[in-house]
Every structure is written in structure tokens, then in C-alpha cells.
PDB file of N, CA and C in Angstrom:
ATOM      1  N   MET A   1     -23.891  22.610 322.027  1.00  0.00           N
ATOM      2  CA  MET A   1     -24.118  22.198 323.256  1.00  0.00           C
ATOM      3  C   MET A   1     -23.652  23.509 323.994  1.00  0.00           C
ATOM      4  N   LYS A   2     -24.723  23.885 325.148  1.00  0.00           N
ATOM      5  CA  LYS A   2     -24.295  24.990 325.968  1.00  0.00           C
ATOM      6  C   LYS A   2     -23.326  24.635 327.068  1.00  0.00           C
ATOM      7  N   THR A   3     -22.581  25.558 327.709  1.00  0.00           N
ATOM      8  CA  THR A   3     -21.686  25.322 328.786  1.00  0.00           C
ATOM      9  C   THR A   3     -21.908  26.022 329.917  1.00  0.00           C
ATOM     10  N   PHE A   4     -21.493  25.776 331.003  1.00  0.00           N
ATOM     11  CA  PHE A   4     -21.583  26.451 332.362  1.00  0.00           C
ATOM     12  C   PHE A   4     -20.180  26.033 333.024  1.00  0.00           C
ATOM     13  N   VAL A   5     -19.607  26.950 333.489  1.00  0.00           N
ATOM     14  CA  VAL A   5     -18.205  26.770 334.162  1.00  0.00           C
ATOM     15  C   VAL A   5     -17.506  25.552 333.351  1.00  0.00           C
ATOM     16  N   ALA A   6     -17.645  25.690 331.976  1.00  0.00           N
ATOM     17  CA  ALA A   6     -16.899  24.720 331.003  1.00  0.00           C
ATOM     18  C   ALA A   6     -17.455  23.359 331.044  1.00  0.00           C
ATOM     19  N   VAL A   7     -18.705  22.989 331.582  1.00  0.00           N
ATOM     20  CA  VAL A   7     -19.069  21.773 331.530  1.00  0.00           C
ATOM     21  C   VAL A   7     -20.367  21.796 330.820  1.00  0.00           C
ATOM     22  N   PRO A   8     -20.476  20.887 329.788  1.00  0.00           N
ATOM     23  CA  PRO A   8     -21.647  20.751 328.795  1.00  0.00           C
ATOM     24  C   PRO A   8     -22.989  20.712 329.647  1.00  0.00           C
ATOM     25  N   VAL A   9     -24.092  21.305 329.046  1.00  0.00           N
ATOM     26  CA  VAL A   9     -25.369  21.167 329.583  1.00  0.00           C
ATOM     27  C   VAL A   9     -26.128  19.943 328.740  1.00  0.00           C
ATOM     28  N   ALA A  10     -26.605  19.036 329.396  1.00  0.00           N
ATOM     29  CA  ALA A  10     -27.046  17.834 328.531  1.00  0.00           C
ATOM     30  C   ALA A  10     -28.520  17.566 329.051  1.00  0.00           C
ATOM     31  N   GLY A  11     -29.338  17.185 327.998  1.00  0.00           N
ATOM     32  CA  GLY A  11     -30.643  16.821 328.260  1.00  0.00           C
ATOM     33  C   GLY A  11     -31.539  17.596 328.984  1.00  0.00           C
ATOM     34  N   PHE A  12     -31.462  18.883 328.888  1.00  0.00           N
ATOM     35  CA  PHE A  12     -32.453  19.757 329.622  1.00  0.00           C
ATOM     36  C   PHE A  12     -33.802  19.965 329.004  1.00  0.00           C
ATOM     37  N   ALA A  13     -34.813  19.529 329.545  1.00  0.00           N
ATOM     38  CA  ALA A  13     -36.197  19.604 328.984  1.00  0.00           C
ATOM     39  C   ALA A  13     -37.175  20.136 330.032  1.00  0.00           C
ATOM     40  N   VAL A  14     -38.147  20.893 329.561  1.00  0.00           N
ATOM     41  CA  VAL A  14     -39.218  21.537 330.365  1.00  0.00           C
ATOM     42  C   VAL A  14     -40.595  21.005 329.931  1.00  0.00           C
ATOM     43  N   ASP A  15     -41.476  20.577 330.772  1.00  0.00           N
ATOM     44  CA  ASP A  15     -42.802  20.295 330.470  1.00  0.00           C
ATOM     45  C   ASP A  15     -43.730  21.182 331.342  1.00  0.00           C
ATOM     46  N   SER A  16     -44.092  22.209 330.661  1.00  0.00           N
ATOM     47  CA  SER A  16     -44.966  23.275 331.383  1.00  0.00           C
ATOM     48  C   SER A  16     -46.299  22.751 331.881  1.00  0.00           C
ATOM     49  N   ALA A  17     -46.779  21.900 331.085  1.00  0.00           N
ATOM     50  CA  ALA A  17     -48.147  21.272 331.414  1.00  0.00           C
ATOM     51  C   ALA A  17     -48.049  20.392 332.722  1.00  0.00           C
ATOM     52  N   ALA A  18     -47.039  19.560 332.817  1.00  0.00           N
ATOM     53  CA  ALA A  18     -46.820  18.960 333.954  1.00  0.00           C
ATOM     54  C   ALA A  18     -45.978  19.428 335.153  1.00  0.00           C
ATOM     55  N   ARG A  19     -45.388  20.763 334.614  1.00  0.00           N
ATOM     56  CA  ARG A  19     -44.670  21.661 335.703  1.00  0.00           C
ATOM     57  C   ARG A  19     -43.470  20.860 336.148  1.00  0.00           C
ATOM     58  N   THR A  20     -42.734  20.294 335.157  1.00  0.00           N
ATOM     59  CA  THR A  20     -41.567  19.451 335.373  1.00  0.00           C
ATOM     60  C   THR A  20     -40.372  20.176 334.542  1.00  0.00           C
ATOM     61  N   ILE A  21     -39.101  20.101 335.327  1.00  0.00           N
ATOM     62  CA  ILE A  21     -37.843  20.337 334.532  1.00  0.00           C
ATOM     63  C   ILE A  21     -37.019  19.166 334.928  1.00  0.00           C
ATOM     64  N   GLU A  22     -36.232  18.636 333.880  1.00  0.00           N
ATOM     65  CA  GLU A  22     -35.429  17.624 333.986  1.00  0.00           C
ATOM     66  C   GLU A  22     -34.063  17.594 333.182  1.00  0.00           C
ATOM     67  N   GLY A  23     -33.235  16.819 333.576  1.00  0.00           N
ATOM     68  CA  GLY A  23     -31.888  16.843 332.717  1.00  0.00           C
ATOM     69  C   GLY A  23     -30.854  16.259 333.567  1.00  0.00           C
ATOM     70  N   ILE A  24     -29.638  16.374 332.993  1.00  0.00           N
ATOM     71  CA  ILE A  24     -28.450  15.937 333.850  1.00  0.00           C
ATOM     72  C   ILE A  24     -27.845  17.103 334.521  1.00  0.00           C
ATOM     73  N   ALA A  25     -27.855  17.033 335.969  1.00  0.00           N
ATOM     74  CA  ALA A  25     -27.468  18.062 336.884  1.00  0.00           C
ATOM     75  C   ALA A  25     -25.941  18.016 336.976  1.00  0.00           C
ATOM     76  N   MET A  26     -25.480  16.842 336.821  1.00  0.00           N
ATOM     77  CA  MET A  26     -23.915  16.834 337.026  1.00  0.00           C
ATOM     78  C   MET A  26     -23.393  15.780 336.109  1.00  0.00           C
ATOM     79  N   PRO A  27     -22.855  16.116 335.043  1.00  0.00           N
ATOM     80  CA  PRO A  27     -22.076  15.210 333.981  1.00  0.00           C
ATOM     81  C   PRO A  27     -20.884  14.572 334.774  1.00  0.00           C
ATOM     82  N   TYR A  28     -20.851  13.328 334.710  1.00  0.00           N
ATOM     83  CA  TYR A  28     -19.574  12.640 335.126  1.00  0.00           C
ATOM     84  C   TYR A  28     -18.505  12.780 334.350  1.00  0.00           C
ATOM     85  N   GLY A  29     -17.172  12.718 334.853  1.00  0.00           N
ATOM     86  CA  GLY A  29     -15.960  12.839 334.160  1.00  0.00           C
ATOM     87  C   GLY A  29     -15.582  14.039 333.532  1.00  0.00           C
ATOM     88  N   GLN A  30     -16.495  15.153 333.645  1.00  0.00           N
ATOM     89  CA  GLN A  30     -16.186  16.375 333.005  1.00  0.00           C
ATOM     90  C   GLN A  30     -15.308  17.240 333.980  1.00  0.00           C
ATOM     91  N   THR A  31     -14.288  17.968 333.616  1.00  0.00           N
ATOM     92  CA  THR A  31     -13.633  18.788 334.391  1.00  0.00           C
ATOM     93  C   THR A  31     -14.239  20.196 334.336  1.00  0.00           C
ATOM     94  N   ALA A  32     -14.667  20.761 335.589  1.00  0.00           N
ATOM     95  CA  ALA A  32     -14.977  22.124 335.646  1.00  0.00           C
ATOM     96  C   ALA A  32     -14.094  23.070 336.515  1.00  0.00           C
ATOM     97  N   ASN A  33     -14.159  24.325 336.354  1.00  0.00           N
ATOM     98  CA  ASN A  33     -13.316  25.398 337.115  1.00  0.00           C
ATOM     99  C   ASN A  33     -14.320  26.243 337.808  1.00  0.00           C
ATOM    100  N   LYS A  34     -14.147  26.495 339.055  1.00  0.00           N
ATOM    101  CA  LYS A  34     -14.849  27.400 339.736  1.00  0.00           C
ATOM    102  C   LYS A  34     -13.960  28.057 341.013  1.00  0.00           C
ATOM    103  N   TYR A  35     -13.936  29.348 340.948  1.00  0.00           N
ATOM    104  CA  TYR A  35     -13.110  29.935 342.022  1.00  0.00           C
ATOM    105  C   TYR A  35     -11.663  29.459 341.892  1.00  0.00           C
ATOM    106  N   GLY A  36     -11.043  29.222 340.878  1.00  0.00           N
ATOM    107  CA  GLY A  36      -9.731  28.743 340.687  1.00  0.00           C
ATOM    108  C   GLY A  36      -9.585  27.124 341.071  1.00  0.00           C
ATOM    109  N   ILE A  37     -10.439  26.533 341.368  1.00  0.00           N
ATOM    110  CA  ILE A  37     -10.305  25.169 341.644  1.00  0.00           C
ATOM    111  C   ILE A  37     -10.958  24.304 340.688  1.00  0.00           C
ATOM    112  N   GLN A  38     -10.120  23.173 340.163  1.00  0.00           N
ATOM    113  CA  GLN A  38     -10.585  22.261 339.338  1.00  0.00           C
ATOM    114  C   GLN A  38     -11.279  21.132 339.925  1.00  0.00           C
ATOM    115  N   PHE A  39     -12.350  20.658 339.430  1.00  0.00           N
ATOM    116  CA  PHE A  39     -13.005  19.381 340.012  1.00  0.00           C
ATOM    117  C   PHE A  39     -13.815  18.726 339.084  1.00  0.00           C
ATOM    118  N   ARG A  40     -13.988  17.385 339.278  1.00  0.00           N
ATOM    119  CA  ARG A  40     -14.624  16.331 338.454  1.00  0.00           C
ATOM    120  C   ARG A  40     -15.243  15.344 339.286  1.00  0.00           C
ATOM    121  N   PHE A  41     -16.318  15.076 338.970  1.00  0.00           N
ATOM    122  CA  PHE A  41     -17.319  14.104 339.719  1.00  0.00           C
ATOM    123  C   PHE A  41     -17.220  12.725 339.043  1.00  0.00           C
ATOM    124  N   ALA A  42     -17.059  11.684 339.826  1.00  0.00           N
ATOM    125  CA  ALA A  42     -17.115  10.229 339.383  1.00  0.00           C
ATOM    126  C   ALA A  42     -18.473   9.673 339.638  1.00  0.00           C
ATOM    127  N   PRO A  43     -18.968   8.649 338.872  1.00  0.00           N
ATOM    128  CA  PRO A  43     -20.210   8.004 339.056  1.00  0.00           C
ATOM    129  C   PRO A  43     -20.214   7.636 340.427  1.00  0.00           C
ATOM    130  N   GLY A  44     -21.418   7.739 340.970  1.00  0.00           N
ATOM    131  CA  GLY A  44     -21.632   7.420 342.404  1.00  0.00           C
ATOM    132  C   GLY A  44     -21.105   8.412 343.531  1.00  0.00           C
ATOM    133  N   SER A  45     -20.543   9.385 343.080  1.00  0.00           N
ATOM    134  CA  SER A  45     -19.841  10.368 344.131  1.00  0.00           C
ATOM    135  C   SER A  45     -20.774  11.248 344.833  1.00  0.00           C
ATOM    136  N   ILE A  46     -22.025  11.475 344.192  1.00  0.00           N
ATOM    137  CA  ILE A  46     -23.116  12.469 344.798  1.00  0.00           C
ATOM    138  C   ILE A  46     -24.008  11.548 345.740  1.00  0.00           C
ATOM    139  N   LYS A  47     -24.139  11.921 346.956  1.00  0.00           N
ATOM    140  CA  LYS A  47     -25.066  11.142 347.714  1.00  0.00           C
ATOM    141  C   LYS A  47     -26.207  12.104 348.239  1.00  0.00           C
ATOM    142  N   TRP A  48     -27.518  11.616 348.447  1.00  0.00           N
ATOM    143  CA  TRP A  48     -28.359  12.350 349.194  1.00  0.00           C
ATOM    144  C   TRP A  48     -29.377  11.581 349.974  1.00  0.00           C
ATOM    145  N   GLY A  49     -30.176  12.197 350.746  1.00  0.00           N
ATOM    146  CA  GLY A  49     -31.108  11.389 351.818  1.00  0.00           C
ATOM    147  C   GLY A  49     -32.397  11.144 350.967  1.00  0.00           C
ATOM    148  N   ASP A  50     -33.459  11.657 351.640  1.00  0.00           N
ATOM    149  CA  ASP A  50     -34.852  11.594 351.030  1.00  0.00           C
ATOM    150  C   ASP A  50     -35.011  12.324 349.770  1.00  0.00           C
ATOM    151  N   VAL A  51     -35.212  11.838 348.714  1.00  0.00           N
ATOM    152  CA  VAL A  51     -35.216  12.522 347.457  1.00  0.00           C
ATOM    153  C   VAL A  51     -36.275  13.647 347.486  1.00  0.00           C
ATOM    154  N   ASN A  52     -37.361  13.514 348.155  1.00  0.00           N
ATOM    155  CA  ASN A  52     -38.420  14.642 348.433  1.00  0.00           C
ATOM    156  C   ASN A  52     -37.852  15.850 349.135  1.00  0.00           C
ATOM    157  N   ARG A  53     -36.709  15.707 349.735  1.00  0.00           N
ATOM    158  CA  ARG A  53     -36.149  16.822 350.612  1.00  0.00           C
ATOM    159  C   ARG A  53     -35.232  17.488 349.762  1.00  0.00           C
ATOM    160  N   VAL A  54     -34.897  17.024 348.511  1.00  0.00           N
ATOM    161  CA  VAL A  54     -33.958  17.747 347.525  1.00  0.00           C
ATOM    162  C   VAL A  54     -34.740  18.863 346.867  1.00  0.00           C
ATOM    163  N   LYS A  55     -34.399  19.896 346.896  1.00  0.00           N
ATOM    164  CA  LYS A  55     -35.080  21.269 346.450  1.00  0.00           C
ATOM    165  C   LYS A  55     -34.548  21.737 345.079  1.00  0.00           C
ATOM    166  N   LEU A  56     -35.394  22.293 344.323  1.00  0.00           N
ATOM    167  CA  LEU A  56     -34.958  23.091 343.021  1.00  0.00           C
ATOM    168  C   LEU A  56     -34.819  24.372 343.477  1.00  0.00           C
ATOM    169  N   LEU A  57     -33.705  24.939 343.284  1.00  0.00           N
ATOM    170  CA  LEU A  57     -33.387  26.446 343.738  1.00  0.00           C
ATOM    171  C   LEU A  57     -33.215  27.210 342.516  1.00  0.00           C
ATOM    172  N   ARG A  58     -33.624  28.552 342.592  1.00  0.00           N
ATOM    173  CA  ARG A  58     -33.229  29.428 341.534  1.00  0.00           C
ATOM    174  C   ARG A  58     -31.968  30.073 341.801  1.00  0.00           C
ATOM    175  N   ASP A  59     -30.948  30.056 341.051  1.00  0.00           N
ATOM    176  CA  ASP A  59     -29.526  30.655 341.299  1.00  0.00           C
ATOM    177  C   ASP A  59     -28.977  30.214 342.512  1.00  0.00           C
ATOM    178  N   HIS A  60     -29.163  29.118 342.961  1.00  0.00           N
ATOM    179  CA  HIS A  60     -28.550  28.532 344.202  1.00  0.00           C
ATOM    180  C   HIS A  60     -28.865  29.147 345.561  1.00  0.00           C
ATOM    181  N   ASP A  61     -30.062  29.719 345.494  1.00  0.00           N
ATOM    182  CA  ASP A  61     -30.705  30.552 346.753  1.00  0.00           C
ATOM    183  C   ASP A  61     -31.459  29.616 347.613  1.00  0.00           C
ATOM    184  N   ILE A  62     -30.890  29.296 348.641  1.00  0.00           N
ATOM    185  CA  ILE A  62     -31.531  28.217 349.520  1.00  0.00           C
ATOM    186  C   ILE A  62     -32.807  28.914 350.288  1.00  0.00           C
ATOM    187  N   ALA A  63     -32.821  30.120 350.141  1.00  0.00           N
ATOM    188  CA  ALA A  63     -33.992  30.821 350.907  1.00  0.00           C
ATOM    189  C   ALA A  63     -35.295  30.855 349.841  1.00  0.00           C
ATOM    190  N   LYS A  64     -34.993  30.470 348.654  1.00  0.00           N
ATOM    191  CA  LYS A  64     -36.005  30.767 347.594  1.00  0.00           C
ATOM    192  C   LYS A  64     -36.268  29.307 346.655  1.00  0.00           C
ATOM    193  N   PRO A  65     -36.724  28.047 347.506  1.00  0.00           N
ATOM    194  CA  PRO A  65     -36.809  27.116 346.534  1.00  0.00           C
ATOM    195  C   PRO A  65     -38.078  27.294 345.637  1.00  0.00           C
ATOM    196  N   VAL A  66     -37.903  26.682 344.382  1.00  0.00           N
ATOM    197  CA  VAL A  66     -39.051  26.787 343.414  1.00  0.00           C
ATOM    198  C   VAL A  66     -39.618  25.463 343.098  1.00  0.00           C
ATOM    199  N   GLY A  67     -39.212  24.409 343.604  1.00  0.00           N
ATOM    200  CA  GLY A  67     -39.486  23.148 343.416  1.00  0.00           C
ATOM    201  C   GLY A  67     -38.841  22.003 344.296  1.00  0.00           C
ATOM    202  N   LYS A  68     -39.284  20.640 343.860  1.00  0.00           N
ATOM    203  CA  LYS A  68     -38.863  19.613 344.728  1.00  0.00           C
ATOM    204  C   LYS A  68     -38.538  18.421 343.744  1.00  0.00           C
ATOM    205  N   ALA A  69     -37.541  17.583 344.083  1.00  0.00           N
ATOM    206  CA  ALA A  69     -37.103  16.497 343.313  1.00  0.00           C
ATOM    207  C   ALA A  69     -38.287  15.423 343.228  1.00  0.00           C
ATOM    208  N   LEU A  70     -38.479  14.870 342.127  1.00  0.00           N
ATOM    209  CA  LEU A  70     -39.207  13.850 341.825  1.00  0.00           C
ATOM    210  C   LEU A  70     -38.379  12.589 341.710  1.00  0.00           C
ATOM    211  N   THR A  71     -37.296  12.581 340.833  1.00  0.00           N
ATOM    212  CA  THR A  71     -36.310  11.572 340.941  1.00  0.00           C
ATOM    213  C   THR A  71     -35.064  12.020 340.759  1.00  0.00           C
ATOM    214  N   LEU A  72     -33.967  11.334 341.206  1.00  0.00           N
ATOM    215  CA  LEU A  72     -32.630  11.450 341.080  1.00  0.00           C
ATOM    216  C   LEU A  72     -32.059  10.206 340.739  1.00  0.00           C
ATOM    217  N   THR A  73     -31.456  10.108 339.606  1.00  0.00           N
ATOM    218  CA  THR A  73     -31.009   8.792 339.123  1.00  0.00           C
ATOM    219  C   THR A  73     -29.490   8.905 338.721  1.00  0.00           C
ATOM    220  N   ASP A  74     -28.630   8.137 339.110  1.00  0.00           N
ATOM    221  CA  ASP A  74     -27.311   7.864 338.706  1.00  0.00           C
ATOM    222  C   ASP A  74     -27.302   7.110 337.470  1.00  0.00           C
ATOM    223  N   THR A  75     -26.692   7.776 336.522  1.00  0.00           N
ATOM    224  CA  THR A  75     -26.683   7.078 335.084  1.00  0.00           C
ATOM    225  C   THR A  75     -25.239   7.169 334.807  1.00  0.00           C
ATOM    226  N   ALA A  76     -24.836   6.471 333.804  1.00  0.00           N
ATOM    227  CA  ALA A  76     -23.427   6.337 333.216  1.00  0.00           C
ATOM    228  C   ALA A  76     -23.014   7.826 332.847  1.00  0.00           C
ATOM    229  N   GLU A  77     -23.934   8.618 332.275  1.00  0.00           N
ATOM    230  CA  GLU A  77     -23.662   9.910 331.815  1.00  0.00           C
ATOM    231  C   GLU A  77     -23.545  10.907 332.992  1.00  0.00           C
ATOM    232  N   GLY A  78     -24.358  10.848 334.115  1.00  0.00           N
ATOM    233  CA  GLY A  78     -24.097  11.774 335.091  1.00  0.00           C
ATOM    234  C   GLY A  78     -25.383  11.550 336.009  1.00  0.00           C
ATOM    235  N   LEU A  79     -25.602  12.636 336.892  1.00  0.00           N
ATOM    236  CA  LEU A  79     -26.807  12.596 337.752  1.00  0.00           C
ATOM    237  C   LEU A  79     -27.995  13.098 336.961  1.00  0.00           C
ATOM    238  N   SER A  80     -29.030  12.238 336.694  1.00  0.00           N
ATOM    239  CA  SER A  80     -30.175  12.659 335.896  1.00  0.00           C
ATOM    240  C   SER A  80     -31.219  13.013 337.029  1.00  0.00           C
ATOM    241  N   VAL A  81     -31.832  14.143 336.811  1.00  0.00           N
ATOM    242  CA  VAL A  81     -32.870  14.739 337.911  1.00  0.00           C
ATOM    243  C   VAL A  81     -34.086  15.080 337.161  1.00  0.00           C
ATOM    244  N   ARG A  82     -35.280  15.042 337.898  1.00  0.00           N
ATOM    245  CA  ARG A  82     -36.427  15.442 337.531  1.00  0.00           C
ATOM    246  C   ARG A  82     -37.219  16.250 338.658  1.00  0.00           C
ATOM    247  N   PHE A  83     -37.616  17.571 338.516  1.00  0.00           N
ATOM    248  CA  PHE A  83     -38.026  18.365 339.590  1.00  0.00           C
ATOM    249  C   PHE A  83     -39.452  18.626 339.061  1.00  0.00           C
ATOM    250  N   ARG A  84     -40.449  18.758 340.053  1.00  0.00           N
ATOM    251  CA  ARG A  84     -41.757  19.435 339.963  1.00  0.00           C
ATOM    252  C   ARG A  84     -41.489  20.819 340.395  1.00  0.00           C
ATOM    253  N   VAL A  85     -41.996  21.834 339.604  1.00  0.00           N
ATOM    254  CA  VAL A  85     -41.887  23.137 339.942  1.00  0.00           C
ATOM    255  C   VAL A  85     -43.230  23.606 340.767  1.00  0.00           C
ATOM    256  N   ALA A  86     -43.038  24.390 341.768  1.00  0.00           N
ATOM    257  CA  ALA A  86     -44.011  24.683 342.528  1.00  0.00           C
ATOM    258  C   ALA A  86     -44.953  25.832 341.935  1.00  0.00           C
ATOM    259  N   ARG A  87     -46.223  25.752 342.328  1.00  0.00           N
ATOM    260  CA  ARG A  87     -47.228  26.766 341.766  1.00  0.00           C
ATOM    261  C   ARG A  87     -46.865  28.117 342.641  1.00  0.00           C
ATOM    262  N   GLY A  88     -47.111  29.235 341.979  1.00  0.00           N
ATOM    263  CA  GLY A  88     -47.011  30.574 342.700  1.00  0.00           C
ATOM    264  C   GLY A  88     -46.089  31.279 341.596  1.00  0.00           C
ATOM    265  N   PRO A  89     -45.911  32.486 341.992  1.00  0.00           N
ATOM    266  CA  PRO A  89     -45.268  33.630 341.294  1.00  0.00           C
ATOM    267  C   PRO A  89     -43.964  32.982 340.991  1.00  0.00           C
ATOM    268  N   ALA A  90     -43.052  32.556 341.944  1.00  0.00           N
ATOM    269  CA  ALA A  90     -41.890  32.253 341.819  1.00  0.00           C
ATOM    270  C   ALA A  90     -41.455  31.179 340.861  1.00  0.00           C
ATOM    271  N   GLY A  91     -42.308  30.105 341.136  1.00  0.00           N
ATOM    272  CA  GLY A  91     -42.336  28.815 340.303  1.00  0.00           C
ATOM    273  C   GLY A  91     -42.750  29.099 338.983  1.00  0.00           C
ATOM    274  N   ASP A  92     -43.917  29.907 338.876  1.00  0.00           N
ATOM    275  CA  ASP A  92     -44.495  30.231 337.573  1.00  0.00           C
ATOM    276  C   ASP A  92     -43.353  30.879 336.538  1.00  0.00           C
ATOM    277  N   GLU A  93     -42.611  31.956 337.234  1.00  0.00           N
ATOM    278  CA  GLU A  93     -41.692  32.597 336.658  1.00  0.00           C
ATOM    279  C   GLU A  93     -40.407  31.765 336.292  1.00  0.00           C
ATOM    280  N   ALA A  94     -39.965  30.794 337.131  1.00  0.00           N
ATOM    281  CA  ALA A  94     -38.810  29.968 336.869  1.00  0.00           C
ATOM    282  C   ALA A  94     -39.267  29.037 335.553  1.00  0.00           C
ATOM    283  N   LEU A  95     -40.613  28.469 335.637  1.00  0.00           N
ATOM    284  CA  LEU A  95     -41.006  27.648 334.640  1.00  0.00           C
ATOM    285  C   LEU A  95     -41.057  28.253 333.298  1.00  0.00           C
ATOM    286  N   GLN A  96     -41.425  29.568 333.274  1.00  0.00           N
ATOM    287  CA  GLN A  96     -41.633  30.310 332.064  1.00  0.00           C
ATOM    288  C   GLN A  96     -40.271  30.549 331.474  1.00  0.00           C
ATOM    289  N   LEU A  97     -39.401  31.007 332.217  1.00  0.00           N
ATOM    290  CA  LEU A  97     -37.908  31.360 331.801  1.00  0.00           C
ATOM    291  C   LEU A  97     -37.231  30.102 331.339  1.00  0.00           C
ATOM    292  N   ALA A  98     -37.540  28.912 332.018  1.00  0.00           N
ATOM    293  CA  ALA A  98     -36.885  27.726 331.403  1.00  0.00           C
ATOM    294  C   ALA A  98     -37.497  27.207 330.113  1.00  0.00           C
ATOM    295  N   GLU A  99     -38.797  27.431 329.964  1.00  0.00           N
ATOM    296  CA  GLU A  99     -39.576  27.178 328.776  1.00  0.00           C
ATOM    297  C   GLU A  99     -39.071  28.127 327.581  1.00  0.00           C
ATOM    298  N   ASP A 100     -38.715  29.439 327.962  1.00  0.00           N
ATOM    299  CA  ASP A 100     -38.377  30.413 326.918  1.00  0.00           C
ATOM    300  C   ASP A 100     -36.733  30.165 326.710  1.00  0.00           C
ATOM    301  N   GLY A 101     -36.134  29.246 327.369  1.00  0.00           N
ATOM    302  CA  GLY A 101     -34.574  29.134 327.120  1.00  0.00           C
ATOM    303  C   GLY A 101     -33.907  30.112 327.778  1.00  0.00           C
ATOM    304  N   VAL A 102     -34.451  30.871 328.694  1.00  0.00           N
ATOM    305  CA  VAL A 102     -33.593  31.913 329.486  1.00  0.00           C
ATOM    306  C   VAL A 102     -32.733  31.117 330.510  1.00  0.00           C
ATOM    307  N   LEU A 103     -33.455  30.419 331.265  1.00  0.00           N
ATOM    308  CA  LEU A 103     -32.865  29.228 332.268  1.00  0.00           C
ATOM    309  C   LEU A 103     -32.793  28.019 331.521  1.00  0.00           C
ATOM    310  N   ASP A 104     -31.463  27.571 331.377  1.00  0.00           N
ATOM    311  CA  ASP A 104     -31.390  26.420 330.292  1.00  0.00           C
ATOM    312  C   ASP A 104     -30.463  25.555 330.774  1.00  0.00           C
ATOM    313  N   GLY A 105     -30.200  25.226 332.149  1.00  0.00           N
ATOM    314  CA  GLY A 105     -29.379  24.070 332.587  1.00  0.00           C
ATOM    315  C   GLY A 105     -29.669  23.890 334.043  1.00  0.00           C
ATOM    316  N   LEU A 106     -29.000  22.968 334.609  1.00  0.00           N
ATOM    317  CA  LEU A 106     -29.151  22.618 335.949  1.00  0.00           C
ATOM    318  C   LEU A 106     -27.737  22.552 336.463  1.00  0.00           C
ATOM    319  N   SER A 107     -27.626  22.831 337.829  1.00  0.00           N
ATOM    320  CA  SER A 107     -26.282  22.808 338.580  1.00  0.00           C
ATOM    321  C   SER A 107     -26.551  22.166 339.913  1.00  0.00           C
ATOM    322  N   VAL A 108     -25.593  21.437 340.459  1.00  0.00           N
ATOM    323  CA  VAL A 108     -25.939  21.020 341.782  1.00  0.00           C
ATOM    324  C   VAL A 108     -25.263  21.720 342.846  1.00  0.00           C
ATOM    325  N   GLY A 109     -25.691  21.868 343.948  1.00  0.00           N
ATOM    326  CA  GLY A 109     -25.083  22.522 345.262  1.00  0.00           C
ATOM    327  C   GLY A 109     -24.422  21.418 345.906  1.00  0.00           C
ATOM    328  N   VAL A 110     -23.248  21.372 346.131  1.00  0.00           N
ATOM    329  CA  VAL A 110     -22.507  20.134 346.763  1.00  0.00           C
ATOM    330  C   VAL A 110     -21.721  20.675 348.134  1.00  0.00           C
ATOM    331  N   ASP A 111     -21.895  20.045 349.122  1.00  0.00           N
ATOM    332  CA  ASP A 111     -20.913  20.316 350.283  1.00  0.00           C
ATOM    333  C   ASP A 111     -19.989  19.189 350.517  1.00  0.00           C
ATOM    334  N   PHE A 112     -18.563  19.881 350.543  1.00  0.00           N
ATOM    335  CA  PHE A 112     -17.451  18.988 350.407  1.00  0.00           C
ATOM    336  C   PHE A 112     -17.013  18.538 351.864  1.00  0.00           C
ATOM    337  N   GLY A 113     -16.614  17.459 352.290  1.00  0.00           N
ATOM    338  CA  GLY A 113     -16.053  17.212 353.445  1.00  0.00           C
ATOM    339  C   GLY A 113     -14.448  17.032 353.204  1.00  0.00           C
ATOM    340  N   GLU A 114     -13.615  17.051 354.200  1.00  0.00           N
ATOM    341  CA  GLU A 114     -12.280  16.818 354.076  1.00  0.00           C
ATOM    342  C   GLU A 114     -11.885  15.548 353.342  1.00  0.00           C
ATOM    343  N   THR A 115     -12.589  14.446 353.542  1.00  0.00           N
ATOM    344  CA  THR A 115     -12.413  13.270 352.945  1.00  0.00           C
ATOM    345  C   THR A 115     -13.114  12.884 351.658  1.00  0.00           C
ATOM    346  N   ASP A 116     -13.775  13.975 351.039  1.00  0.00           N
ATOM    347  CA  ASP A 116     -14.670  13.792 349.751  1.00  0.00           C
ATOM    348  C   ASP A 116     -13.830  13.941 348.500  1.00  0.00           C
ATOM    349  N   SER A 117     -12.543  14.432 348.555  1.00  0.00           N
ATOM    350  CA  SER A 117     -11.807  14.546 347.369  1.00  0.00           C
ATOM    351  C   SER A 117     -10.422  13.773 347.443  1.00  0.00           C
ATOM    352  N   THR A 118     -10.009  13.485 346.246  1.00  0.00           N
ATOM    353  CA  THR A 118      -8.839  12.942 345.947  1.00  0.00           C
ATOM    354  C   THR A 118      -8.091  13.503 344.847  1.00  0.00           C
ATOM    355  N   VAL A 119      -6.898  13.592 344.596  1.00  0.00           N
ATOM    356  CA  VAL A 119      -6.133  14.129 343.577  1.00  0.00           C
ATOM    357  C   VAL A 119      -5.963  13.036 342.573  1.00  0.00           C
ATOM    358  N   ASP A 120      -6.423  13.123 341.416  1.00  0.00           N
ATOM    359  CA  ASP A 120      -6.160  11.939 340.364  1.00  0.00           C
ATOM    360  C   ASP A 120      -4.861  12.239 339.649  1.00  0.00           C
ATOM    361  N   ASN A 121      -4.436  11.205 338.857  1.00  0.00           N
ATOM    362  CA  ASN A 121      -3.069  11.073 338.156  1.00  0.00           C
ATOM    363  C   ASN A 121      -2.825  12.325 337.430  1.00  0.00           C
ATOM    364  N   ASP A 122      -3.948  12.902 336.859  1.00  0.00           N
ATOM    365  CA  ASP A 122      -3.445  14.100 335.955  1.00  0.00           C
ATOM    366  C   ASP A 122      -3.776  15.418 336.792  1.00  0.00           C
ATOM    367  N   GLY A 123      -3.699  15.305 338.143  1.00  0.00           N
ATOM    368  CA  GLY A 123      -3.696  16.703 338.912  1.00  0.00           C
ATOM    369  C   GLY A 123      -5.073  17.006 339.335  1.00  0.00           C
TER     370      GLY A 123
END
């Protein structure tokens, strides 16, 4: 199993003919470290508005979306997502790199508010 910031990558799949990428974008209950901060997401902790407004970004670059969400589903395992990849050079490249295993996981971009976090019993 592959990891990014010490969180396993689960269920990543590419369908080039349908131009879709899907997988678990945020596994629940896994502790990750980034910039010296530990965090863990609980089921139901990620909220979004209109699914079609959620974009697939390459390397978290909001100026260069390469697709849009088709489904976002809260599961026991984590946030399961399915994206349609846009036509054109940037989308084609992202799809090819994912199919070739160069890009091989998903990561959410999350904004935290002051009341969005709690300290659990194990710190």
C-alpha cells in the first residue's frame, strides 16, 4: 500500500475511456503529519456544497483544475470520490500520468475554521 504524509492510499482507479479517476480521498481515523501538525479526520467531518463545484486539482493548484467531481460519498472507510477529467492538454496529461501510475493517489484540500478541530484523548 502506498502512503502520502503517512496515510495509506486506498482504492485509486483510473478509467481512461470514461475519463474518470476515483478512490478514497480522505481515509478516516488515520493520523497524518504535515508541517509539524498531526491531524485525523472523523466520519462526516468533511462538508461540501454542490458536488459539481468540487474540482480535481493537479498538485493542489487552484489555478489549474483538471476535472470536476461526479460523486462524493461518505463511507465507513473514508471520503470516496469520483472525478471526470477534462479534455485538453492538462486533463489528458493528468489522466495519462494517473494511468501510468506516476500520479497514484488523491488528497483533499481542506480549510479549517477555529471551531473545526478538537484535541482527542491521545493528543
